[in-house]
Amino acid sequence: MPYEQTRTYVDSDRFRDALITQSDVSGLEIRDCWFEERLKIVDCWGRDVYVAGDFGRIVVNDIDVTAYVEAELDRAEPNRALARKAQTADEIRAVWAALEATWAATFERVRALPAELHRRRVDDEWSFIETQRHLLYASDKWLGNPVLEEDQPYHPLGFGPAGADEADTGLTVDADPSLEEILEPRLARMRTMREFVAGVIDEDLDRLCARKPVGNDPDADYDVRRCLKVVLAEEAEHHRYAVRDLAALTADESALRQT
């Protein structure tokens, strides 16, 4: 089915407890969805299946591959494991320093690429610039708002989930910044994180935040540790995505130069 004719369902529960059987689901894409109970695909066949997300348990053809997948993800992005395990102030400081160093090297790599690649998507995932916009937003949401309680925590170039402007945060979703234009506020926010974790102590991490991260459970409690760990996890995961897509982009450019 051509893209412009694709049926799109947003904020729908029409597929909850649904059974799809003996149907052609070629090209089916499920994105930004959730399930509190298990999702099961059985007795199906096809050439290519791609699954990505945050899953508690993954079983493929009766083989539990959860531990294998986690190990491979940690191997591809070592900061991912460090971010997941960090609990103390010293550990959070160490992970942030590692993340900053990792991103600094990646920024230099991307600056050397043609500007067109900064905006190019791979398999309709976020471009490098969109990824930086999202990480700016994530730090604003989880650091600037609940932890630092800034008067205006959200930079307008931030990019929320699927481009959403959550709860009137003032995001300019349709903005089209260049790499350097987005890196200016992005690096500034990274410095803010560095300065905060430099002075944090273990007791600070237990402080409950008076403000709630917008778009999350308003009845849940959010302490400083939880908020900082979300920032660490976002940075690690999206660096993995960015490097994955950069490999595809540079491979395409190399192939073009050889033709």
C-alpha atoms as a PDB file:
ATOM      1  CA  MET A   1       0.000   0.000   0.000  1.00  0.00           C
ATOM      2  CA  PRO A   2       1.495   3.400  -0.939  1.00  0.00           C
ATOM      3  CA  TYR A   3       2.553   5.523   2.028  1.00  0.00           C
ATOM      4  CA  GLU A   4      -0.052   8.204   1.358  1.00  0.00           C
ATOM      5  CA  GLN A   5      -2.796   5.542   1.570  1.00  0.00           C
ATOM      6  CA  THR A   6      -1.537   3.915   4.757  1.00  0.00           C
ATOM      7  CA  ARG A   7      -4.203   3.785   7.450  1.00  0.00           C
ATOM      8  CA  THR A   8      -2.855   5.340  10.652  1.00  0.00           C
ATOM      9  CA  TYR A   9      -4.290   4.776  14.110  1.00  0.00           C
ATOM     10  CA  VAL A  10      -3.242   7.079  16.972  1.00  0.00           C
ATOM     11  CA  ASP A  11      -4.186   6.717  20.663  1.00  0.00           C
ATOM     12  CA  SER A  12      -6.441   3.802  19.750  1.00  0.00           C
ATOM     13  CA  ASP A  13      -7.337   0.705  21.758  1.00  0.00           C
ATOM     14  CA  ARG A  14      -9.125  -0.993  18.877  1.00  0.00           C
ATOM     15  CA  PHE A  15      -6.370  -3.610  18.622  1.00  0.00           C
ATOM     16  CA  ARG A  16      -6.350  -4.535  22.314  1.00  0.00           C
ATOM     17  CA  ASP A  17      -6.980  -8.300  22.636  1.00  0.00           C
ATOM     18  CA  ALA A  18      -7.409  -8.485  18.856  1.00  0.00           C
ATOM     19  CA  LEU A  19      -6.676 -11.614  16.846  1.00  0.00           C
ATOM     20  CA  ILE A  20      -5.318 -11.170  13.328  1.00  0.00           C
ATOM     21  CA  THR A  21      -5.347 -14.498  11.540  1.00  0.00           C
ATOM     22  CA  GLN A  22      -4.721 -15.718   7.992  1.00  0.00           C
ATOM     23  CA  SER A  23      -4.132 -12.155   6.808  1.00  0.00           C
ATOM     24  CA  ASP A  24      -1.478 -10.461   4.684  1.00  0.00           C
ATOM     25  CA  VAL A  25       0.275  -8.019   7.025  1.00  0.00           C
ATOM     26  CA  SER A  26       3.126  -7.120   4.653  1.00  0.00           C
ATOM     27  CA  GLY A  27       4.461  -3.669   5.474  1.00  0.00           C
ATOM     28  CA  LEU A  28       2.713  -3.568   8.854  1.00  0.00           C
ATOM     29  CA  GLU A  29       4.475  -1.124  11.194  1.00  0.00           C
ATOM     30  CA  ILE A  30       3.708  -0.782  14.904  1.00  0.00           C
ATOM     31  CA  ARG A  31       5.411   2.271  16.399  1.00  0.00           C
ATOM     32  CA  ASP A  32       5.337   3.984  19.818  1.00  0.00           C
ATOM     33  CA  CYS A  33       2.829   1.470  21.202  1.00  0.00           C
ATOM     34  CA  TRP A  34       2.728  -0.449  24.472  1.00  0.00           C
ATOM     35  CA  PHE A  35       1.336  -3.627  25.970  1.00  0.00           C
ATOM     36  CA  GLU A  36       1.018  -4.451  29.660  1.00  0.00           C
ATOM     37  CA  GLU A  37       0.364  -8.102  28.931  1.00  0.00           C
ATOM     38  CA  ARG A  38       2.163 -10.258  26.425  1.00  0.00           C
ATOM     39  CA  LEU A  39       2.216  -9.684  22.684  1.00  0.00           C
ATOM     40  CA  LYS A  40       2.229 -12.946  20.758  1.00  0.00           C
ATOM     41  CA  ILE A  41       3.020 -13.684  17.102  1.00  0.00           C
ATOM     42  CA  VAL A  42       2.789 -17.384  16.287  1.00  0.00           C
ATOM     43  CA  ASP A  43       2.582 -19.694  13.270  1.00  0.00           C
ATOM     44  CA  CYS A  44       3.499 -16.861  10.895  1.00  0.00           C
ATOM     45  CA  TRP A  45       6.032 -16.764   8.079  1.00  0.00           C
ATOM     46  CA  GLY A  46       7.871 -14.115   6.141  1.00  0.00           C
ATOM     47  CA  ARG A  47      11.272 -12.944   4.962  1.00  0.00           C
ATOM     48  CA  ASP A  48      12.112 -10.070   7.296  1.00  0.00           C
ATOM     49  CA  VAL A  49      11.018  -9.265  10.856  1.00  0.00           C
ATOM     50  CA  TYR A  50      12.404  -6.255  12.728  1.00  0.00           C
ATOM     51  CA  VAL A  51      11.580  -5.686  16.401  1.00  0.00           C
ATOM     52  CA  ALA A  52      12.913  -2.847  18.540  1.00  0.00           C
ATOM     53  CA  GLY A  53      11.829  -1.479  21.887  1.00  0.00           C
ATOM     54  CA  ASP A  54      12.046  -1.900  25.641  1.00  0.00           C
ATOM     55  CA  PHE A  55      10.872  -5.446  26.340  1.00  0.00           C
ATOM     56  CA  GLY A  56      11.031  -7.409  29.568  1.00  0.00           C
ATOM     57  CA  ARG A  57      11.292 -10.776  27.831  1.00  0.00           C
ATOM     58  CA  ILE A  58      11.795 -11.782  24.199  1.00  0.00           C
ATOM     59  CA  VAL A  59      11.135 -15.334  22.968  1.00  0.00           C
ATOM     60  CA  VAL A  60      11.779 -16.281  19.340  1.00  0.00           C
ATOM     61  CA  ASN A  61      10.647 -19.720  18.164  1.00  0.00           C
ATOM     62  CA  ASP A  62      10.505 -20.923  21.782  1.00  0.00           C
ATOM     63  CA  ILE A  63      14.053 -19.696  22.508  1.00  0.00           C
ATOM     64  CA  ASP A  64      14.388 -17.015  25.191  1.00  0.00           C
ATOM     65  CA  VAL A  65      16.836 -14.538  23.633  1.00  0.00           C
ATOM     66  CA  THR A  66      16.427 -11.781  26.243  1.00  0.00           C
ATOM     67  CA  ALA A  67      19.885 -12.114  27.808  1.00  0.00           C
ATOM     68  CA  TYR A  68      21.578 -12.454  24.420  1.00  0.00           C
ATOM     69  CA  VAL A  69      19.911  -9.306  23.067  1.00  0.00           C
ATOM     70  CA  GLU A  70      20.780  -7.297  26.187  1.00  0.00           C
ATOM     71  CA  ALA A  71      24.407  -8.438  26.027  1.00  0.00           C
ATOM     72  CA  GLU A  72      24.704  -7.489  22.364  1.00  0.00           C
ATOM     73  CA  LEU A  73      23.159  -4.065  22.963  1.00  0.00           C
ATOM     74  CA  ASP A  74      25.590  -3.454  25.829  1.00  0.00           C
ATOM     75  CA  ARG A  75      28.477  -4.562  23.637  1.00  0.00           C
ATOM     76  CA  ALA A  76      27.437  -2.120  20.918  1.00  0.00           C
ATOM     77  CA  GLU A  77      27.001   0.742  23.400  1.00  0.00           C
ATOM     78  CA  PRO A  78      28.981   0.134  26.627  1.00  0.00           C
ATOM     79  CA  ASN A  79      27.618   3.314  28.231  1.00  0.00           C
ATOM     80  CA  ARG A  80      24.197   1.688  28.122  1.00  0.00           C
ATOM     81  CA  ALA A  81      25.126  -0.814  30.837  1.00  0.00           C
ATOM     82  CA  LEU A  82      26.856   1.854  32.904  1.00  0.00           C
ATOM     83  CA  ALA A  83      23.769   4.076  32.748  1.00  0.00           C
ATOM     84  CA  ARG A  84      21.501   1.218  33.766  1.00  0.00           C
ATOM     85  CA  LYS A  85      23.606   0.246  36.772  1.00  0.00           C
ATOM     86  CA  ALA A  86      24.480   3.736  38.073  1.00  0.00           C
ATOM     87  CA  GLN A  87      23.032   4.402  41.525  1.00  0.00           C
ATOM     88  CA  THR A  88      25.469   6.565  43.485  1.00  0.00           C
ATOM     89  CA  ALA A  89      26.532  10.129  42.811  1.00  0.00           C
ATOM     90  CA  ASP A  90      30.031   8.967  41.858  1.00  0.00           C
ATOM     91  CA  GLU A  91      28.640   6.422  39.403  1.00  0.00           C
ATOM     92  CA  ILE A  92      26.319   8.971  37.801  1.00  0.00           C
ATOM     93  CA  ARG A  93      29.237  11.419  37.445  1.00  0.00           C
ATOM     94  CA  ALA A  94      31.389   8.750  35.822  1.00  0.00           C
ATOM     95  CA  VAL A  95      28.673   7.730  33.361  1.00  0.00           C
ATOM     96  CA  TRP A  96      27.984  11.333  32.375  1.00  0.00           C
ATOM     97  CA  ALA A  97      31.690  11.959  31.745  1.00  0.00           C
ATOM     98  CA  ALA A  98      31.829   8.857  29.547  1.00  0.00           C
ATOM     99  CA  LEU A  99      28.713   9.908  27.633  1.00  0.00           C
ATOM    100  CA  GLU A 100      30.057  13.409  26.999  1.00  0.00           C
ATOM    101  CA  ALA A 101      33.340  12.015  25.704  1.00  0.00           C
ATOM    102  CA  THR A 102      31.523   9.548  23.456  1.00  0.00           C
ATOM    103  CA  TRP A 103      29.225  12.212  22.023  1.00  0.00           C
ATOM    104  CA  ALA A 104      32.133  14.646  21.505  1.00  0.00           C
ATOM    105  CA  ALA A 105      33.868  12.143  19.231  1.00  0.00           C
ATOM    106  CA  THR A 106      30.616  11.481  17.354  1.00  0.00           C
ATOM    107  CA  PHE A 107      29.946  15.207  16.896  1.00  0.00           C
ATOM    108  CA  GLU A 108      33.368  15.634  15.288  1.00  0.00           C
ATOM    109  CA  ARG A 109      32.692  12.691  13.019  1.00  0.00           C
ATOM    110  CA  VAL A 110      29.339  14.122  11.925  1.00  0.00           C
ATOM    111  CA  ARG A 111      30.740  17.620  11.346  1.00  0.00           C
ATOM    112  CA  ALA A 112      33.044  16.105   8.732  1.00  0.00           C
ATOM    113  CA  LEU A 113      30.100  14.655   6.782  1.00  0.00           C
ATOM    114  CA  PRO A 114      28.150  16.473   4.053  1.00  0.00           C
ATOM    115  CA  ALA A 115      25.427  18.677   5.592  1.00  0.00           C
ATOM    116  CA  GLU A 116      22.749  16.769   3.681  1.00  0.00           C
ATOM    117  CA  LEU A 117      23.473  13.662   5.729  1.00  0.00           C
ATOM    118  CA  HIS A 118      22.788  15.526   8.972  1.00  0.00           C
ATOM    119  CA  ARG A 119      19.105  15.627   7.999  1.00  0.00           C
ATOM    120  CA  ARG A 120      18.798  12.296   6.199  1.00  0.00           C
ATOM    121  CA  ARG A 121      16.770   9.564   7.845  1.00  0.00           C
ATOM    122  CA  VAL A 122      17.534   5.839   7.697  1.00  0.00           C
ATOM    123  CA  ASP A 123      14.476   3.559   7.503  1.00  0.00           C
ATOM    124  CA  ASP A 124      12.369   6.540   8.589  1.00  0.00           C
ATOM    125  CA  GLU A 125      14.124   6.761  11.959  1.00  0.00           C
ATOM    126  CA  TRP A 126      15.155  10.169  13.258  1.00  0.00           C
ATOM    127  CA  SER A 127      17.972  11.970  11.478  1.00  0.00           C
ATOM    128  CA  PHE A 128      21.060  12.981  13.416  1.00  0.00           C
ATOM    129  CA  ILE A 129      19.712  16.514  13.860  1.00  0.00           C
ATOM    130  CA  GLU A 130      16.332  15.201  15.011  1.00  0.00           C
ATOM    131  CA  THR A 131      18.104  12.951  17.500  1.00  0.00           C
ATOM    132  CA  GLN A 132      19.941  15.938  18.967  1.00  0.00           C
ATOM    133  CA  ARG A 133      16.675  17.860  19.153  1.00  0.00           C
ATOM    134  CA  HIS A 134      15.100  14.964  21.039  1.00  0.00           C
ATOM    135  CA  LEU A 135      17.986  14.663  23.496  1.00  0.00           C
ATOM    136  CA  LEU A 136      17.793  18.401  24.152  1.00  0.00           C
ATOM    137  CA  TYR A 137      14.112  17.945  24.940  1.00  0.00           C
ATOM    138  CA  ALA A 138      14.773  14.879  27.124  1.00  0.00           C
ATOM    139  CA  SER A 139      17.280  16.806  29.249  1.00  0.00           C
ATOM    140  CA  ASP A 140      14.895  19.750  29.510  1.00  0.00           C
ATOM    141  CA  LYS A 141      12.088  17.418  30.562  1.00  0.00           C
ATOM    142  CA  TRP A 142      14.007  15.305  33.079  1.00  0.00           C
ATOM    143  CA  LEU A 143      16.663  17.757  34.337  1.00  0.00           C
ATOM    144  CA  GLY A 144      15.635  21.349  33.686  1.00  0.00           C
ATOM    145  CA  ASN A 145      12.022  20.975  34.759  1.00  0.00           C
ATOM    146  CA  PRO A 146      11.802  18.552  37.736  1.00  0.00           C
ATOM    147  CA  VAL A 147      15.361  18.649  39.116  1.00  0.00           C
ATOM    148  CA  LEU A 148      16.479  22.237  38.512  1.00  0.00           C
ATOM    149  CA  GLU A 149      12.955  23.731  38.531  1.00  0.00           C
ATOM    150  CA  GLU A 150      13.886  26.265  35.868  1.00  0.00           C
ATOM    151  CA  ASP A 151      11.355  28.982  35.034  1.00  0.00           C
ATOM    152  CA  GLN A 152      11.575  28.167  31.328  1.00  0.00           C
ATOM    153  CA  PRO A 153      13.103  24.701  31.076  1.00  0.00           C
ATOM    154  CA  TYR A 154      12.191  23.921  27.453  1.00  0.00           C
ATOM    155  CA  HIS A 155      14.237  25.128  24.518  1.00  0.00           C
ATOM    156  CA  PRO A 156      11.994  25.695  21.464  1.00  0.00           C
ATOM    157  CA  LEU A 157      14.223  23.520  19.238  1.00  0.00           C
ATOM    158  CA  GLY A 158      13.518  20.482  21.397  1.00  0.00           C
ATOM    159  CA  PHE A 159      11.765  17.538  19.795  1.00  0.00           C
ATOM    160  CA  GLY A 160       9.364  15.427  21.858  1.00  0.00           C
ATOM    161  CA  PRO A 161       8.118  11.882  21.283  1.00  0.00           C
ATOM    162  CA  ALA A 162       7.147  11.499  17.635  1.00  0.00           C
ATOM    163  CA  GLY A 163       7.549  15.268  17.319  1.00  0.00           C
ATOM    164  CA  ALA A 164       4.776  15.979  19.818  1.00  0.00           C
ATOM    165  CA  ASP A 165       4.605  19.251  21.727  1.00  0.00           C
ATOM    166  CA  GLU A 166       3.698  17.810  25.114  1.00  0.00           C
ATOM    167  CA  ALA A 167       1.497  19.923  27.368  1.00  0.00           C
ATOM    168  CA  ASP A 168       2.249  23.212  25.662  1.00  0.00           C
ATOM    169  CA  THR A 169       5.992  23.125  26.306  1.00  0.00           C
ATOM    170  CA  GLY A 170       6.594  25.731  23.601  1.00  0.00           C
ATOM    171  CA  LEU A 171       8.450  23.441  21.206  1.00  0.00           C
ATOM    172  CA  THR A 172       8.771  24.582  17.606  1.00  0.00           C
ATOM    173  CA  VAL A 173       8.187  21.138  16.154  1.00  0.00           C
ATOM    174  CA  ASP A 174       8.450  22.281  12.536  1.00  0.00           C
ATOM    175  CA  ALA A 175      11.796  24.030  13.022  1.00  0.00           C
ATOM    176  CA  ASP A 176      14.623  22.979  10.707  1.00  0.00           C
ATOM    177  CA  PRO A 177      17.883  23.873  12.452  1.00  0.00           C
ATOM    178  CA  SER A 178      21.304  23.155  11.020  1.00  0.00           C
ATOM    179  CA  LEU A 179      23.690  20.912  12.906  1.00  0.00           C
ATOM    180  CA  GLU A 180      25.498  23.830  14.529  1.00  0.00           C
ATOM    181  CA  GLU A 181      22.234  25.585  15.357  1.00  0.00           C
ATOM    182  CA  ILE A 182      20.988  22.602  17.340  1.00  0.00           C
ATOM    183  CA  LEU A 183      24.368  21.790  18.872  1.00  0.00           C
ATOM    184  CA  GLU A 184      24.568  25.239  20.479  1.00  0.00           C
ATOM    185  CA  PRO A 185      21.669  24.662  22.933  1.00  0.00           C
ATOM    186  CA  ARG A 186      22.372  20.938  23.083  1.00  0.00           C
ATOM    187  CA  LEU A 187      25.945  21.450  24.281  1.00  0.00           C
ATOM    188  CA  ALA A 188      24.785  24.154  26.672  1.00  0.00           C
ATOM    189  CA  ARG A 189      22.317  21.745  28.261  1.00  0.00           C
ATOM    190  CA  MET A 190      25.012  19.065  28.449  1.00  0.00           C
ATOM    191  CA  ARG A 191      27.190  21.547  30.350  1.00  0.00           C
ATOM    192  CA  THR A 192      24.298  22.169  32.724  1.00  0.00           C
ATOM    193  CA  MET A 193      24.095  18.445  33.401  1.00  0.00           C
ATOM    194  CA  ARG A 194      27.859  18.249  33.925  1.00  0.00           C
ATOM    195  CA  GLU A 195      27.807  21.137  36.397  1.00  0.00           C
ATOM    196  CA  PHE A 196      24.895  19.678  38.339  1.00  0.00           C
ATOM    197  CA  VAL A 197      26.279  16.151  38.707  1.00  0.00           C
ATOM    198  CA  ALA A 198      29.701  17.562  39.629  1.00  0.00           C
ATOM    199  CA  GLY A 199      28.308  18.761  42.938  1.00  0.00           C
ATOM    200  CA  VAL A 200      25.590  16.211  43.648  1.00  0.00           C
ATOM    201  CA  ILE A 201      25.942  13.883  46.641  1.00  0.00           C
ATOM    202  CA  ASP A 202      24.155  10.629  47.395  1.00  0.00           C
ATOM    203  CA  GLU A 203      21.665  12.289  49.748  1.00  0.00           C
ATOM    204  CA  ASP A 204      20.636  14.708  46.984  1.00  0.00           C
ATOM    205  CA  LEU A 205      19.638  11.793  44.784  1.00  0.00           C
ATOM    206  CA  ASP A 206      16.871  10.769  47.192  1.00  0.00           C
ATOM    207  CA  ARG A 207      15.137  14.156  47.064  1.00  0.00           C
ATOM    208  CA  LEU A 208      11.639  13.953  45.657  1.00  0.00           C
ATOM    209  CA  CYS A 209      11.036  16.425  42.857  1.00  0.00           C
ATOM    210  CA  ALA A 210       8.167  18.828  43.412  1.00  0.00           C
ATOM    211  CA  ARG A 211       7.561  19.018  39.674  1.00  0.00           C
ATOM    212  CA  LYS A 212       6.525  16.020  37.571  1.00  0.00           C
ATOM    213  CA  PRO A 213       8.046  15.265  34.158  1.00  0.00           C
ATOM    214  CA  VAL A 214       5.425  16.362  31.648  1.00  0.00           C
ATOM    215  CA  GLY A 215       3.659  13.526  29.874  1.00  0.00           C
ATOM    216  CA  ASN A 216       4.436  10.908  32.543  1.00  0.00           C
ATOM    217  CA  ASP A 217       2.355   9.470  35.369  1.00  0.00           C
ATOM    218  CA  PRO A 218       1.281  12.504  37.436  1.00  0.00           C
ATOM    219  CA  ASP A 219       0.632  10.299  40.484  1.00  0.00           C
ATOM    220  CA  ALA A 220       4.091   8.717  40.557  1.00  0.00           C
ATOM    221  CA  ASP A 221       7.005   9.944  42.658  1.00  0.00           C
ATOM    222  CA  TYR A 222      10.115  11.134  40.873  1.00  0.00           C
ATOM    223  CA  ASP A 223      13.313  11.529  42.862  1.00  0.00           C
ATOM    224  CA  VAL A 224      16.474  13.143  41.518  1.00  0.00           C
ATOM    225  CA  ARG A 225      18.158   9.782  40.941  1.00  0.00           C
ATOM    226  CA  ARG A 226      15.303   8.531  38.779  1.00  0.00           C
ATOM    227  CA  CYS A 227      15.284  11.694  36.678  1.00  0.00           C
ATOM    228  CA  LEU A 228      19.039  11.695  36.145  1.00  0.00           C
ATOM    229  CA  LYS A 229      19.024   8.020  35.205  1.00  0.00           C
ATOM    230  CA  VAL A 230      16.436   8.710  32.519  1.00  0.00           C
ATOM    231  CA  VAL A 231      18.767  11.336  31.045  1.00  0.00           C
ATOM    232  CA  LEU A 232      21.668   8.867  31.114  1.00  0.00           C
ATOM    233  CA  ALA A 233      19.595   6.131  29.491  1.00  0.00           C
ATOM    234  CA  GLU A 234      18.276   8.446  26.780  1.00  0.00           C
ATOM    235  CA  GLU A 235      21.803   9.597  25.937  1.00  0.00           C
ATOM    236  CA  ALA A 236      23.181   6.057  25.752  1.00  0.00           C
ATOM    237  CA  GLU A 237      20.321   4.571  23.742  1.00  0.00           C
ATOM    238  CA  HIS A 238      20.128   7.389  21.235  1.00  0.00           C
ATOM    239  CA  HIS A 239      23.877   7.382  20.749  1.00  0.00           C
ATOM    240  CA  ARG A 240      23.546   3.727  19.765  1.00  0.00           C
ATOM    241  CA  TYR A 241      20.799   4.603  17.303  1.00  0.00           C
ATOM    242  CA  ALA A 242      22.800   7.493  15.887  1.00  0.00           C
ATOM    243  CA  VAL A 243      25.948   5.432  15.338  1.00  0.00           C
ATOM    244  CA  ARG A 244      23.897   2.632  13.787  1.00  0.00           C
ATOM    245  CA  ASP A 245      22.353   5.023  11.264  1.00  0.00           C
ATOM    246  CA  LEU A 246      25.619   6.854  10.609  1.00  0.00           C
ATOM    247  CA  ALA A 247      27.143   3.537   9.568  1.00  0.00           C
ATOM    248  CA  ALA A 248      24.371   3.084   7.010  1.00  0.00           C
ATOM    249  CA  LEU A 249      24.642   6.671   5.755  1.00  0.00           C
ATOM    250  CA  THR A 250      28.402   6.586   5.311  1.00  0.00           C
ATOM    251  CA  ALA A 251      28.204   3.185   3.618  1.00  0.00           C
ATOM    252  CA  ASP A 252      25.719   4.636   1.114  1.00  0.00           C
ATOM    253  CA  GLU A 253      27.973   7.640   0.473  1.00  0.00           C
ATOM    254  CA  SER A 254      30.981   5.399  -0.041  1.00  0.00           C
ATOM    255  CA  ALA A 255      29.064   3.253  -2.521  1.00  0.00           C
ATOM    256  CA  LEU A 256      28.002   6.348  -4.475  1.00  0.00           C
ATOM    257  CA  ARG A 257      31.593   7.594  -4.715  1.00  0.00           C
ATOM    258  CA  GLN A 258      32.709   4.242  -6.125  1.00  0.00           C
ATOM    259  CA  THR A 259      30.116   4.239  -8.935  1.00  0.00           C
END
